[in-house]
Amino acid sequence: MGAVTDSAGPVTYDPVQRPGVSNLFDIMSIFDQAGRTPEMLASSMEGASHKDLKIAAASSVIAGLAGISERYLELIAANGSTYLESAQEEGAAQARSRAANTMNDIRSAIGL
């Protein structure tokens, strides 16, 4: 409910004049199961209040991330936090290695 919108009447999709409201429609569009555009979602919510839009946007995000959330809880239940910690450490080590290689290439290219 803390998303930034504006105080203009019912919600509409207008990225220039109403960037906060339009951003919520953009987010909803990303998670929309039917693949509707932000404009289509705005049309479907014609006359809705800002509160209605914020509730709909939050519901879209929650539903869209449900699979990720469920998988996270499964991993924690099966392996405790150690699995995720080791995956994080492995990812960080890979990122450091790649970054070091990139920096070596950059230093070589600029003659350092």
C-alpha atoms as a PDB file:
ATOM      1  CA  MET A   1       0.000   0.000   0.000  1.00  0.00           C
ATOM      2  CA  GLY A   2       3.043   2.249   0.185  1.00  0.00           C
ATOM      3  CA  ALA A   3       3.578   2.335  -3.586  1.00  0.00           C
ATOM      4  CA  VAL A   4       3.902   5.856  -4.942  1.00  0.00           C
ATOM      5  CA  THR A   5       0.957   6.966  -7.056  1.00  0.00           C
ATOM      6  CA  ASP A   6      -0.754  10.328  -7.441  1.00  0.00           C
ATOM      7  CA  SER A   7      -3.959  11.953  -6.294  1.00  0.00           C
ATOM      8  CA  ALA A   8      -5.733  12.152  -9.660  1.00  0.00           C
ATOM      9  CA  GLY A   9      -9.096  10.406  -9.973  1.00  0.00           C
ATOM     10  CA  PRO A  10      -9.549   6.829 -11.165  1.00  0.00           C
ATOM     11  CA  VAL A  11      -6.462   4.959 -12.333  1.00  0.00           C
ATOM     12  CA  THR A  12      -5.314   5.193 -15.946  1.00  0.00           C
ATOM     13  CA  TYR A  13      -2.201   4.130 -17.823  1.00  0.00           C
ATOM     14  CA  ASP A  14      -0.184   7.201 -18.786  1.00  0.00           C
ATOM     15  CA  PRO A  15       3.572   6.776 -18.200  1.00  0.00           C
ATOM     16  CA  VAL A  16       4.292  10.478 -18.762  1.00  0.00           C
ATOM     17  CA  GLN A  17       1.559  12.085 -16.669  1.00  0.00           C
ATOM     18  CA  ARG A  18       1.055   9.268 -14.147  1.00  0.00           C
ATOM     19  CA  PRO A  19       4.365   7.391 -13.781  1.00  0.00           C
ATOM     20  CA  GLY A  20       3.587   5.879 -10.358  1.00  0.00           C
ATOM     21  CA  VAL A  21       0.229   4.445 -11.406  1.00  0.00           C
ATOM     22  CA  SER A  22       1.651   3.306 -14.745  1.00  0.00           C
ATOM     23  CA  ASN A  23       4.538   1.569 -12.993  1.00  0.00           C
ATOM     24  CA  LEU A  24       2.061  -0.583 -11.069  1.00  0.00           C
ATOM     25  CA  PHE A  25       0.368  -1.567 -14.337  1.00  0.00           C
ATOM     26  CA  ASP A  26       3.806  -2.381 -15.800  1.00  0.00           C
ATOM     27  CA  ILE A  27       4.555  -4.648 -12.838  1.00  0.00           C
ATOM     28  CA  MET A  28       1.165  -6.320 -13.103  1.00  0.00           C
ATOM     29  CA  SER A  29       1.746  -6.914 -16.804  1.00  0.00           C
ATOM     30  CA  ILE A  30       5.000  -8.751 -16.100  1.00  0.00           C
ATOM     31  CA  PHE A  31       3.193 -11.233 -13.866  1.00  0.00           C
ATOM     32  CA  ASP A  32      -0.083 -11.416 -15.805  1.00  0.00           C
ATOM     33  CA  GLN A  33      -0.883 -15.043 -16.682  1.00  0.00           C
ATOM     34  CA  ALA A  34      -2.923 -13.952 -19.699  1.00  0.00           C
ATOM     35  CA  GLY A  35      -0.066 -11.841 -21.093  1.00  0.00           C
ATOM     36  CA  ARG A  36      -2.042  -8.622 -21.056  1.00  0.00           C
ATOM     37  CA  THR A  37      -0.272  -5.331 -21.696  1.00  0.00           C
ATOM     38  CA  PRO A  38      -0.290  -2.509 -19.138  1.00  0.00           C
ATOM     39  CA  GLU A  39      -2.829  -0.687 -21.312  1.00  0.00           C
ATOM     40  CA  MET A  40      -5.138  -3.714 -21.337  1.00  0.00           C
ATOM     41  CA  LEU A  41      -4.880  -4.068 -17.567  1.00  0.00           C
ATOM     42  CA  ALA A  42      -5.678  -0.385 -17.106  1.00  0.00           C
ATOM     43  CA  SER A  43      -8.701  -0.779 -19.342  1.00  0.00           C
ATOM     44  CA  SER A  44      -9.880  -3.742 -17.288  1.00  0.00           C
ATOM     45  CA  MET A  45      -9.607  -1.632 -14.128  1.00  0.00           C
ATOM     46  CA  GLU A  46     -11.430   1.401 -15.516  1.00  0.00           C
ATOM     47  CA  GLY A  47     -12.895   3.416 -12.652  1.00  0.00           C
ATOM     48  CA  ALA A  48     -10.831   1.599  -9.998  1.00  0.00           C
ATOM     49  CA  SER A  49      -9.318   3.441  -7.059  1.00  0.00           C
ATOM     50  CA  HIS A  50      -5.644   3.671  -6.216  1.00  0.00           C
ATOM     51  CA  LYS A  51      -6.253   1.265  -3.353  1.00  0.00           C
ATOM     52  CA  ASP A  52      -7.815  -1.286  -5.732  1.00  0.00           C
ATOM     53  CA  LEU A  53      -4.818  -0.973  -8.061  1.00  0.00           C
ATOM     54  CA  LYS A  54      -2.307  -1.450  -5.248  1.00  0.00           C
ATOM     55  CA  ILE A  55      -4.137  -4.523  -3.994  1.00  0.00           C
ATOM     56  CA  ALA A  56      -4.288  -5.962  -7.525  1.00  0.00           C
ATOM     57  CA  ALA A  57      -0.574  -5.245  -8.097  1.00  0.00           C
ATOM     58  CA  ALA A  58       0.410  -6.895  -4.815  1.00  0.00           C
ATOM     59  CA  SER A  59      -1.733  -9.939  -5.626  1.00  0.00           C
ATOM     60  CA  SER A  60      -0.099 -10.210  -9.067  1.00  0.00           C
ATOM     61  CA  VAL A  61       3.397 -10.156  -7.608  1.00  0.00           C
ATOM     62  CA  ILE A  62       2.534 -12.659  -4.872  1.00  0.00           C
ATOM     63  CA  ALA A  63       0.969 -15.046  -7.391  1.00  0.00           C
ATOM     64  CA  GLY A  64       3.862 -14.575  -9.823  1.00  0.00           C
ATOM     65  CA  LEU A  65       6.479 -15.367  -7.202  1.00  0.00           C
ATOM     66  CA  ALA A  66       4.558 -18.233  -5.611  1.00  0.00           C
ATOM     67  CA  GLY A  67       6.607 -20.927  -7.339  1.00  0.00           C
ATOM     68  CA  ILE A  68       9.875 -19.362  -6.237  1.00  0.00           C
ATOM     69  CA  SER A  69       8.625 -18.990  -2.691  1.00  0.00           C
ATOM     70  CA  GLU A  70       7.406 -22.590  -2.568  1.00  0.00           C
ATOM     71  CA  ARG A  71      10.732 -23.905  -3.896  1.00  0.00           C
ATOM     72  CA  TYR A  72      12.637 -21.835  -1.339  1.00  0.00           C
ATOM     73  CA  LEU A  73      10.560 -23.263   1.492  1.00  0.00           C
ATOM     74  CA  GLU A  74      11.059 -26.800   0.131  1.00  0.00           C
ATOM     75  CA  LEU A  75      14.832 -26.336   0.074  1.00  0.00           C
ATOM     76  CA  ILE A  76      14.890 -24.945   3.590  1.00  0.00           C
ATOM     77  CA  ALA A  77      12.681 -27.768   4.891  1.00  0.00           C
ATOM     78  CA  ALA A  78      14.743 -30.500   3.192  1.00  0.00           C
ATOM     79  CA  ASN A  79      18.257 -29.169   3.705  1.00  0.00           C
ATOM     80  CA  GLY A  80      18.098 -26.385   6.217  1.00  0.00           C
ATOM     81  CA  SER A  81      19.825 -23.153   5.400  1.00  0.00           C
ATOM     82  CA  THR A  82      23.145 -24.903   4.724  1.00  0.00           C
ATOM     83  CA  TYR A  83      22.199 -25.774   1.123  1.00  0.00           C
ATOM     84  CA  LEU A  84      21.345 -22.185   0.274  1.00  0.00           C
ATOM     85  CA  GLU A  85      24.425 -20.892   2.066  1.00  0.00           C
ATOM     86  CA  SER A  86      26.689 -23.252   0.126  1.00  0.00           C
ATOM     87  CA  ALA A  87      24.972 -22.319  -3.151  1.00  0.00           C
ATOM     88  CA  GLN A  88      25.491 -18.646  -2.306  1.00  0.00           C
ATOM     89  CA  GLU A  89      29.168 -19.210  -1.491  1.00  0.00           C
ATOM     90  CA  GLU A  90      29.691 -21.163  -4.729  1.00  0.00           C
ATOM     91  CA  GLY A  91      28.004 -18.439  -6.767  1.00  0.00           C
ATOM     92  CA  ALA A  92      30.064 -15.740  -5.074  1.00  0.00           C
ATOM     93  CA  ALA A  93      33.298 -17.654  -5.798  1.00  0.00           C
ATOM     94  CA  GLN A  94      32.344 -18.003  -9.460  1.00  0.00           C
ATOM     95  CA  ALA A  95      31.487 -14.306  -9.679  1.00  0.00           C
ATOM     96  CA  ARG A  96      34.832 -13.335  -8.096  1.00  0.00           C
ATOM     97  CA  SER A  97      36.706 -15.569 -10.543  1.00  0.00           C
ATOM     98  CA  ARG A  98      34.911 -14.102 -13.556  1.00  0.00           C
ATOM     99  CA  ALA A  99      35.419 -10.574 -12.283  1.00  0.00           C
ATOM    100  CA  ALA A 100      39.137 -11.241 -11.780  1.00  0.00           C
ATOM    101  CA  ASN A 101      39.438 -12.548 -15.346  1.00  0.00           C
ATOM    102  CA  THR A 102      37.609  -9.522 -16.691  1.00  0.00           C
ATOM    103  CA  MET A 103      39.793  -7.133 -14.710  1.00  0.00           C
ATOM    104  CA  ASN A 104      42.935  -8.888 -15.979  1.00  0.00           C
ATOM    105  CA  ASP A 105      41.690  -8.453 -19.548  1.00  0.00           C
ATOM    106  CA  ILE A 106      40.958  -4.773 -18.914  1.00  0.00           C
ATOM    107  CA  ARG A 107      44.351  -4.142 -17.313  1.00  0.00           C
ATOM    108  CA  SER A 108      46.062  -5.864 -20.220  1.00  0.00           C
ATOM    109  CA  ALA A 109      44.042  -3.871 -22.776  1.00  0.00           C
ATOM    110  CA  ILE A 110      44.937  -0.528 -21.213  1.00  0.00           C
ATOM    111  CA  GLY A 111      48.545  -1.491 -20.514  1.00  0.00           C
ATOM    112  CA  LEU A 112      48.556  -1.752 -16.738  1.00  0.00           C
END
